[in-house]
C-alpha cells in the first residue's frame, strides 16, 4: 500500500476510504489535490487512498488488498 501511494502521479484515478473517486490533480507533501468534478477539487490525506483505478475505471493490479 505504501508503494502504491508513493507511485501515484498527476492524472491517476483513485478511490478513497469514503468511496470518493477522483483524479489526482496535484501532489503536495502530505495531501493529494483531487478533481472530483468539473471545477471541483478537494484536498485529501495521502493515507485515505485505498485503490488506484486503471484508465477504464477498474482497479489495477497494484491495488491488491494487503
Protein backbone atom coordinates (compact mmCIF):
# COMPACT_ATOMS: atom_id res chain seq x y z
CA UNK A 1 0.00 0.00 0.00
CA UNK A 2 2.84 2.37 0.86
CA UNK A 3 4.45 1.69 -2.52
CA UNK A 4 1.11 2.29 -4.29
CA UNK A 5 0.77 5.70 -2.63
CA UNK A 6 4.40 6.63 -3.33
CA UNK A 7 3.94 5.78 -7.02
CA UNK A 8 0.83 7.92 -7.54
CA UNK A 9 1.19 10.70 -10.09
CA UNK A 10 -0.88 13.51 -11.52
CA UNK A 11 -3.66 12.13 -13.73
CA UNK A 12 -4.09 8.83 -11.85
CA UNK A 13 -7.69 7.85 -10.99
CA UNK A 14 -8.10 6.84 -7.35
CA UNK A 15 -10.67 5.70 -4.78
CA UNK A 16 -10.62 6.93 -1.19
CA UNK A 17 -11.81 5.30 2.03
CA UNK A 18 -15.15 7.10 1.92
CA UNK A 19 -15.82 5.84 -1.60
CA UNK A 20 -14.89 9.12 -3.30
CA UNK A 21 -13.49 8.66 -6.81
CA UNK A 22 -11.37 11.29 -8.47
CA UNK A 23 -8.30 12.19 -10.46
CA UNK A 24 -5.05 13.34 -8.89
CA UNK A 25 -4.65 16.98 -9.94
CA UNK A 26 -1.69 17.88 -7.74
CA UNK A 27 0.55 16.18 -5.21
CA UNK A 28 1.69 18.01 -2.11
CA UNK A 29 3.81 16.74 0.75
CA UNK A 30 1.04 15.23 2.88
CA UNK A 31 -2.05 15.60 0.68
CA UNK A 32 -3.39 14.95 -2.78
CA UNK A 33 -5.47 17.57 -4.58
CA UNK A 34 -8.23 15.53 -6.23
CA UNK A 35 -10.53 16.63 -9.04
CA UNK A 36 -13.94 15.09 -8.41
CA UNK A 37 -15.97 17.08 -10.98
CA UNK A 38 -15.50 19.98 -13.40
CA UNK A 39 -14.11 22.92 -11.44
CA UNK A 40 -14.31 20.97 -8.15
CA UNK A 41 -11.12 19.97 -6.33
CA UNK A 42 -10.65 18.71 -2.79
CA UNK A 43 -7.64 18.12 -0.56
CA UNK A 44 -7.35 14.53 0.68
CA UNK A 45 -4.84 12.99 3.07
CA UNK A 46 -2.42 10.58 1.39
CA UNK A 47 -3.39 7.78 3.77
CA UNK A 48 -7.00 7.89 2.58
CA UNK A 49 -6.16 6.32 -0.81
CA UNK A 50 -7.48 2.77 -0.95
CA UNK A 51 -7.22 1.90 -4.65
CA UNK A 52 -5.79 3.10 -7.93
CA UNK A 53 -8.02 2.66 -10.97
CA UNK A 54 -6.84 1.83 -14.47
CA UNK A 55 -7.74 4.07 -17.41
CA UNK A 56 -11.06 2.24 -17.76
CA UNK A 57 -12.04 2.82 -14.11
CA UNK A 58 -11.20 -0.73 -13.00
CA UNK A 59 -8.90 -1.49 -10.06
CA UNK A 60 -5.38 -2.12 -11.33
CA UNK A 61 -3.08 -4.93 -10.20
CA UNK A 62 -1.17 -2.58 -7.91
CA UNK A 63 -4.21 -2.21 -5.65
CA UNK A 64 -4.44 -5.70 -4.19
CA UNK A 65 -5.69 -5.55 -0.62
CA UNK A 66 -2.99 -6.08 1.97
